[in-house]
Amino acid sequence: MGPYVRIILRYGVGAILGYEVGDQLSNDPDVVTAATVAATALVGVATEGAYYLARRFGWER
């Protein structure tokens, strides 16, 4: 997941703040690690939230 996070950081921050800042952040291992952990947590929360909704509304089999 690290390479995807690097790409997102490079282009996302590059579009907002400029290409040099995006390149610096995507090459910083601490920033990439923190963003990877945050992205992983977000995916986990979204999955558990979808499962909760499925159970609540009877969508699960």
Protein backbone atom coordinates (compact mmCIF):
# COMPACT_ATOMS: atom_id res chain seq x y z
CA MET A 1 0.00 0.00 0.00
CA GLY A 2 3.03 2.25 0.47
CA PRO A 3 3.57 2.94 -3.25
CA TYR A 4 -0.06 3.97 -3.68
CA VAL A 5 0.18 6.31 -0.71
CA ARG A 6 3.34 7.86 -2.17
CA ILE A 7 1.56 8.50 -5.47
CA ILE A 8 -1.46 10.02 -3.72
CA LEU A 9 0.79 12.23 -1.57
CA ARG A 10 2.85 13.37 -4.54
CA TYR A 11 -0.08 14.36 -6.75
CA GLY A 12 -2.52 15.41 -4.03
CA VAL A 13 -0.14 17.71 -2.20
CA GLY A 14 1.52 18.70 -5.46
CA ALA A 15 -1.79 19.93 -6.82
CA ILE A 16 -2.49 21.95 -3.69
CA LEU A 17 0.91 23.30 -2.62
CA GLY A 18 3.21 22.79 -5.56
CA TYR A 19 5.20 19.99 -7.14
CA GLU A 20 8.32 20.42 -4.97
CA VAL A 21 6.43 20.08 -1.69
CA GLY A 22 4.56 17.02 -2.96
CA ASP A 23 7.81 15.42 -4.05
CA GLN A 24 9.45 16.13 -0.67
CA LEU A 25 6.53 14.67 1.29
CA SER A 26 6.27 11.56 -0.88
CA ASN A 27 9.98 10.85 -0.32
CA ASP A 28 9.78 11.27 3.47
CA PRO A 29 9.44 7.77 4.99
CA ASP A 30 7.77 9.07 8.17
CA VAL A 31 5.05 10.86 6.22
CA VAL A 32 4.49 7.82 3.98
CA THR A 33 4.26 5.54 7.03
CA ALA A 34 1.77 7.82 8.78
CA ALA A 35 -0.33 8.15 5.64
CA THR A 36 -0.27 4.37 5.11
CA VAL A 37 -1.47 3.75 8.66
CA ALA A 38 -4.21 6.36 8.25
CA ALA A 39 -5.34 4.88 4.92
CA THR A 40 -5.38 1.37 6.37
CA ALA A 41 -7.42 2.53 9.36
CA LEU A 42 -9.86 4.34 7.08
CA VAL A 43 -10.41 1.21 4.99
CA GLY A 44 -10.97 -0.84 8.14
CA VAL A 45 -13.47 1.63 9.57
CA ALA A 46 -15.34 1.81 6.25
CA THR A 47 -15.52 -1.99 6.05
CA GLU A 48 -16.80 -2.35 9.61
CA GLY A 49 -19.29 0.47 9.03
CA ALA A 50 -20.66 -1.24 5.93
CA TYR A 51 -20.96 -4.50 7.87
CA TYR A 52 -22.79 -2.73 10.69
CA LEU A 53 -25.26 -1.20 8.24
CA ALA A 54 -25.77 -4.56 6.54
CA ARG A 55 -26.62 -6.21 9.85
CA ARG A 56 -28.87 -3.38 10.97
CA PHE A 57 -30.91 -3.25 7.76
CA GLY A 58 -30.94 -7.00 7.13
CA TRP A 59 -28.77 -6.93 4.01
CA GLU A 60 -26.52 -9.76 5.13
CA ARG A 61 -27.35 -13.35 4.25
